[in-house]
Amino acid sequence: MKTTEQASRYADLDKMSVRQLLEGMQAEDRTIPDVVAGVIPRLEELVEAVTVRVRGGGRVFYLGAGTSGRMGVVDASEIPPTYGVRDCFIGLIAGGDGAIRQAVEGAEDDAQQGWRDMLPHAPVAGDTLVGIAASGTTPYVLGAVRAARQHGLLTACITCNAGTPLAAAVDIPVEAVVGPEFVTGSTRMKAGTCTKQLLTMFSTAVMIRLGHVRGSRMVDMQLTNDKLVDRGTRMVLAETGGDDYAAARSLLLRCGSVRAAVAEWRKTGW
């Protein structure tokens, strides 16, 4: 039996108090950091390989079903506003975008649909496919990584079971075995939390290695609201050593990014 399908360590959840339920869930979540620490070498391998490919024009596809698919879509959707990079990370979910809001559970059973969903994006050998499946057996994901590997893409996976068909089918498997869920089989819990953490670590490390962070600052973030314009203005002041907020804000808005504003300041000053 898959670890993610094993019985919860807790019995009679329906008889517990609210405090007991919350403390039990939190106790299970505390095990996630140790699991993540154990797969860092594999994650490092993936970051290094993907950074080289993206630097050469490659893209990263996330592909999954249900909670796993949603985690991939969320992570991919956050790359453009955070780092100013478009069409680099692409999230695909079984059942299409509608499945982000409403479950389309049967969609995960089609072993050919995953690769078909990638085809409109014209995948090439320089791209990477990260298959996301807590079970490690989802046909939608498994079929896609097998097809992707045949077409020369780098393939990887994030799964929460050991020794799965998915891990065997990819070049770089990341197997984060978090153990039985608090609610038996509910992988939106520990498995989902762990998957989100791994995806965030992966994409963030790639973006940093590609130069989209200077020091600890997101110098290419999109200026899409007042909060981000304020943050960017303060970043420009910190980078230039200036103290004129209005001038820094004006320069930032004119140039469109912290990186461009600082470069312009270095050439012309305020």
Protein backbone atom coordinates (compact mmCIF):
# COMPACT_ATOMS: atom_id res chain seq x y z
CA MET A 1 0.00 0.00 0.00
CA LYS A 2 1.19 3.51 -0.81
CA THR A 3 2.38 5.42 2.24
CA THR A 4 -0.04 8.21 1.40
CA GLU A 5 -2.92 5.71 1.56
CA GLN A 6 -1.99 4.16 4.89
CA ALA A 7 -4.30 4.64 7.85
CA SER A 8 -3.96 7.82 9.88
CA ARG A 9 -1.96 7.64 13.09
CA TYR A 10 -5.02 9.15 14.76
CA ALA A 11 -8.26 7.28 15.45
CA ASP A 12 -11.78 8.60 16.02
CA LEU A 13 -11.20 12.05 14.54
CA ASP A 14 -14.96 12.60 14.68
CA LYS A 15 -14.82 12.33 18.46
CA MET A 16 -11.97 14.79 18.97
CA SER A 17 -12.36 18.35 20.20
CA VAL A 18 -11.46 21.22 17.89
CA ARG A 19 -8.27 21.79 19.89
CA GLN A 20 -7.29 18.14 19.52
CA LEU A 21 -7.92 18.23 15.78
CA LEU A 22 -5.85 21.35 15.25
CA GLU A 23 -3.00 20.18 17.47
CA GLY A 24 -2.96 16.80 15.71
CA MET A 25 -2.75 18.37 12.27
CA GLN A 26 -0.03 20.73 13.39
CA ALA A 27 1.94 17.86 14.92
CA GLU A 28 1.87 16.06 11.57
CA ASP A 29 2.95 19.19 9.71
CA ARG A 30 5.98 19.49 11.97
CA THR A 31 7.40 16.36 10.31
CA ILE A 32 7.58 18.04 6.88
CA PRO A 33 10.83 20.04 7.35
CA ASP A 34 12.85 16.90 8.07
CA VAL A 35 11.45 15.24 4.96
CA VAL A 36 12.32 18.28 2.84
CA ALA A 37 15.83 18.35 4.28
CA GLY A 38 16.31 14.76 3.19
CA VAL A 39 15.55 15.46 -0.48
CA ILE A 40 17.63 18.64 -0.84
CA PRO A 41 20.43 16.81 -2.72
CA ARG A 42 17.93 15.72 -5.39
CA LEU A 43 16.38 19.19 -5.49
CA GLU A 44 19.84 20.69 -5.87
CA GLU A 45 20.49 18.41 -8.84
CA LEU A 46 17.24 19.55 -10.42
CA VAL A 47 17.91 23.26 -9.84
CA GLU A 48 21.39 23.01 -11.36
CA ALA A 49 20.15 21.16 -14.44
CA VAL A 50 17.14 23.40 -15.01
CA THR A 51 19.13 26.61 -14.55
CA VAL A 52 21.41 25.62 -17.41
CA ARG A 53 18.44 24.78 -19.62
CA VAL A 54 16.47 27.93 -18.86
CA ARG A 55 19.57 30.04 -19.46
CA GLY A 56 19.68 28.46 -22.91
CA GLY A 57 16.04 29.33 -23.62
CA GLY A 58 14.35 26.27 -22.16
CA ARG A 59 11.11 26.31 -20.19
CA VAL A 60 9.77 24.40 -17.19
CA PHE A 61 6.43 22.60 -17.39
CA TYR A 62 4.64 21.60 -14.21
CA LEU A 63 2.02 18.93 -14.80
CA GLY A 64 -0.28 17.29 -12.27
CA ALA A 65 -3.82 16.39 -11.30
CA GLY A 66 -5.97 17.56 -8.38
CA THR A 67 -4.07 19.15 -5.51
CA SER A 68 -0.72 18.35 -7.13
CA GLY A 69 -1.76 20.10 -10.33
CA ARG A 70 -3.04 23.12 -8.43
CA MET A 71 0.26 23.46 -6.58
CA GLY A 72 2.09 23.52 -9.90
CA VAL A 73 -0.25 26.09 -11.43
CA VAL A 74 0.07 28.32 -8.36
CA ASP A 75 3.87 28.21 -8.40
CA ALA A 76 4.11 28.85 -12.14
CA SER A 77 1.63 31.73 -11.96
CA GLU A 78 3.72 33.50 -9.33
CA ILE A 79 6.92 33.64 -11.40
CA PRO A 80 5.98 36.54 -13.74
CA PRO A 81 4.90 39.04 -11.05
CA THR A 82 7.69 38.07 -8.67
CA TYR A 83 10.60 37.90 -11.11
CA GLY A 84 9.34 39.61 -14.28
CA VAL A 85 9.85 36.45 -16.35
CA ARG A 86 7.04 35.34 -18.64
CA ASP A 87 6.45 31.99 -20.36
CA CYS A 88 9.30 30.32 -18.49
CA PHE A 89 7.27 28.27 -15.98
CA ILE A 90 4.05 26.77 -17.34
CA GLY A 91 1.56 24.99 -15.09
CA LEU A 92 -0.85 22.41 -16.51
CA ILE A 93 -3.56 20.56 -14.63
CA ALA A 94 -5.64 17.53 -15.61
CA GLY A 95 -9.05 18.73 -16.71
CA GLY A 96 -7.80 22.15 -17.82
CA ASP A 97 -7.94 25.50 -16.09
CA GLY A 98 -11.47 24.86 -14.87
CA ALA A 99 -10.08 22.11 -12.64
CA ILE A 100 -8.24 24.75 -10.62
CA ARG A 101 -11.54 25.79 -9.05
CA GLN A 102 -13.66 22.68 -9.40
CA ALA A 103 -12.35 19.12 -9.18
CA VAL A 104 -12.35 17.08 -12.40
CA GLU A 105 -11.18 13.88 -10.78
CA GLY A 106 -11.64 11.49 -13.71
CA ALA A 107 -9.29 13.56 -15.87
CA GLU A 108 -6.24 12.13 -14.15
CA ASP A 109 -6.88 8.63 -15.53
CA ASP A 110 -6.09 9.48 -19.19
CA ALA A 111 -2.47 8.52 -19.80
CA GLN A 112 -2.29 10.34 -23.16
CA GLN A 113 -3.90 13.64 -22.19
CA GLY A 114 -0.94 15.07 -20.29
CA TRP A 115 1.31 15.14 -23.33
CA ARG A 116 -1.57 16.36 -25.48
CA ASP A 117 -2.03 19.26 -23.08
CA MET A 118 1.63 20.18 -23.57
CA LEU A 119 1.54 20.15 -27.36
CA PRO A 120 -0.03 23.62 -27.85
CA HIS A 121 3.07 24.99 -26.10
CA ALA A 122 5.35 23.26 -28.66
CA PRO A 123 7.65 21.50 -26.18
CA VAL A 124 11.24 20.98 -27.34
CA ALA A 125 14.22 19.02 -26.10
CA GLY A 126 15.59 22.01 -24.19
CA ASP A 127 12.52 22.14 -21.96
CA THR A 128 11.95 20.37 -18.63
CA LEU A 129 8.85 18.57 -17.41
CA VAL A 130 8.29 18.25 -13.67
CA GLY A 131 5.54 15.72 -13.05
CA ILE A 132 3.77 16.28 -9.73
CA ALA A 133 1.85 13.40 -8.18
CA ALA A 134 1.67 12.57 -4.49
CA SER A 135 0.78 8.97 -5.34
CA GLY A 136 3.49 8.56 -7.96
CA THR A 137 1.07 6.58 -10.12
CA THR A 138 -1.24 9.17 -11.73
CA PRO A 139 -1.70 8.10 -15.39
CA TYR A 140 -2.06 11.70 -16.63
CA VAL A 141 1.37 12.53 -15.22
CA LEU A 142 3.05 9.21 -15.88
CA GLY A 143 2.09 9.17 -19.54
CA ALA A 144 3.31 12.73 -20.02
CA VAL A 145 6.76 12.19 -18.52
CA ARG A 146 7.27 9.05 -20.59
CA ALA A 147 6.36 10.92 -23.77
CA ALA A 148 8.48 13.92 -22.76
CA ARG A 149 11.50 11.74 -22.16
CA GLN A 150 11.07 10.15 -25.59
CA HIS A 151 11.12 13.65 -27.09
CA GLY A 152 14.35 14.56 -25.30
CA LEU A 153 13.01 16.76 -22.51
CA LEU A 154 14.62 16.61 -19.09
CA THR A 155 12.11 14.96 -16.78
CA ALA A 156 11.70 15.16 -13.02
CA CYS A 157 9.00 14.47 -10.49
CA ILE A 158 7.82 15.36 -7.03
CA THR A 159 6.04 12.50 -5.30
CA CYS A 160 5.26 11.54 -1.72
CA ASN A 161 5.73 7.78 -2.02
CA ALA A 162 8.91 5.76 -2.45
CA GLY A 163 9.68 3.45 -5.34
CA THR A 164 6.85 4.58 -7.60
CA PRO A 165 6.44 4.12 -11.36
CA LEU A 166 6.69 7.89 -11.75
CA ALA A 167 10.04 8.09 -9.99
CA ALA A 168 11.31 5.24 -12.16
CA ALA A 169 10.18 7.02 -15.33
CA VAL A 170 12.02 10.34 -14.83
CA ASP A 171 15.61 11.53 -14.92
CA ILE A 172 15.54 13.26 -11.53
CA PRO A 173 13.03 11.95 -8.98
CA VAL A 174 12.31 13.90 -5.81
CA GLU A 175 10.61 11.49 -3.40
CA ALA A 176 9.38 13.30 -0.29
CA VAL A 177 7.76 10.59 1.83
CA VAL A 178 5.75 12.46 4.45
CA GLY A 179 3.89 9.42 5.78
CA PRO A 180 0.19 8.77 6.38
CA GLU A 181 -2.13 11.77 6.35
CA PHE A 182 -4.05 13.04 9.37
CA VAL A 183 -7.24 12.26 7.44
CA THR A 184 -6.46 8.94 5.77
CA GLY A 185 -5.60 9.41 2.11
CA SER A 186 -6.21 13.18 2.07
CA THR A 187 -3.07 14.28 0.24
CA ARG A 188 -4.20 17.90 0.22
CA MET A 189 -2.76 17.93 3.74
CA LYS A 190 0.89 16.99 4.42
CA ALA A 191 1.62 15.90 0.86
CA GLY A 192 0.18 19.13 -0.53
CA THR A 193 2.04 21.29 1.97
CA CYS A 194 5.31 19.51 1.28
CA THR A 195 4.81 19.74 -2.48
CA LYS A 196 4.17 23.48 -2.27
CA GLN A 197 7.32 23.97 -0.22
CA LEU A 198 9.47 21.98 -2.66
CA LEU A 199 8.10 23.81 -5.70
CA THR A 200 8.66 27.19 -4.07
CA MET A 201 12.23 26.26 -3.15
CA PHE A 202 12.91 24.93 -6.64
CA SER A 203 11.58 27.88 -8.65
CA THR A 204 13.03 30.45 -6.26
CA ALA A 205 16.50 28.89 -6.43
CA VAL A 206 16.33 28.82 -10.25
CA MET A 207 15.30 32.48 -10.42
CA ILE A 208 18.06 33.51 -8.02
CA ARG A 209 20.66 31.58 -9.98
CA LEU A 210 19.45 33.27 -13.17
CA GLY A 211 20.08 36.69 -11.66
CA HIS A 212 16.58 37.90 -10.90
CA VAL A 213 17.50 38.62 -7.26
CA ARG A 214 20.22 41.05 -6.20
CA GLY A 215 21.23 40.66 -2.58
CA SER A 216 17.85 39.56 -1.30
CA ARG A 217 15.77 41.87 -3.48
CA MET A 218 13.44 40.99 -6.37
CA VAL A 219 14.90 43.48 -8.83
CA ASP A 220 12.71 42.39 -11.77
CA MET A 221 9.34 42.19 -10.01
CA GLN A 222 6.33 43.64 -11.84
CA LEU A 223 5.00 46.95 -10.55
CA THR A 224 1.37 45.89 -10.59
CA ASN A 225 0.00 47.63 -7.48
CA ASP A 226 0.75 50.39 -5.00
CA LYS A 227 2.35 48.01 -2.51
CA LEU A 228 4.85 46.77 -5.08
CA VAL A 229 5.60 50.27 -6.35
CA ASP A 230 6.35 51.29 -2.76
CA ARG A 231 8.52 48.24 -2.24
CA GLY A 232 10.34 48.90 -5.49
CA THR A 233 10.89 52.54 -4.58
CA ARG A 234 12.47 51.57 -1.29
CA MET A 235 14.63 49.03 -3.12
CA VAL A 236 15.86 51.73 -5.49
CA LEU A 237 16.72 53.96 -2.54
CA ALA A 238 18.57 51.11 -0.83
CA GLU A 239 20.52 50.26 -4.00
CA THR A 240 21.49 53.85 -4.75
CA GLY A 241 21.90 55.18 -1.23
CA GLY A 242 19.48 57.98 -1.99
CA ASP A 243 16.87 59.53 0.30
CA ASP A 244 14.48 61.26 -2.13
CA TYR A 245 11.45 58.96 -2.18
CA ALA A 246 9.55 60.94 -4.80
CA ALA A 247 12.49 61.03 -7.19
CA ALA A 248 13.13 57.31 -6.72
CA ARG A 249 9.47 56.51 -7.35
CA SER A 250 9.41 58.63 -10.48
CA LEU A 251 12.56 56.97 -11.79
CA LEU A 252 11.18 53.51 -11.02
CA LEU A 253 7.89 54.12 -12.82
CA ARG A 254 9.68 55.60 -15.81
CA CYS A 255 12.10 52.69 -16.11
CA GLY A 256 9.62 49.91 -15.26
CA SER A 257 11.75 47.82 -12.89
CA VAL A 258 14.16 48.16 -10.01
CA ARG A 259 16.99 46.76 -12.13
CA ALA A 260 16.40 49.26 -14.93
CA ALA A 261 15.94 52.17 -12.51
CA VAL A 262 19.21 51.47 -10.73
CA ALA A 263 21.04 51.09 -14.04
CA GLU A 264 19.62 54.42 -15.23
CA TRP A 265 20.60 56.12 -11.97
CA ARG A 266 24.15 54.85 -12.35
CA LYS A 267 24.33 56.46 -15.79
CA THR A 268 22.56 59.76 -15.19
CA GLY A 269 21.88 60.15 -11.45
CA TRP A 270 18.58 61.61 -10.31
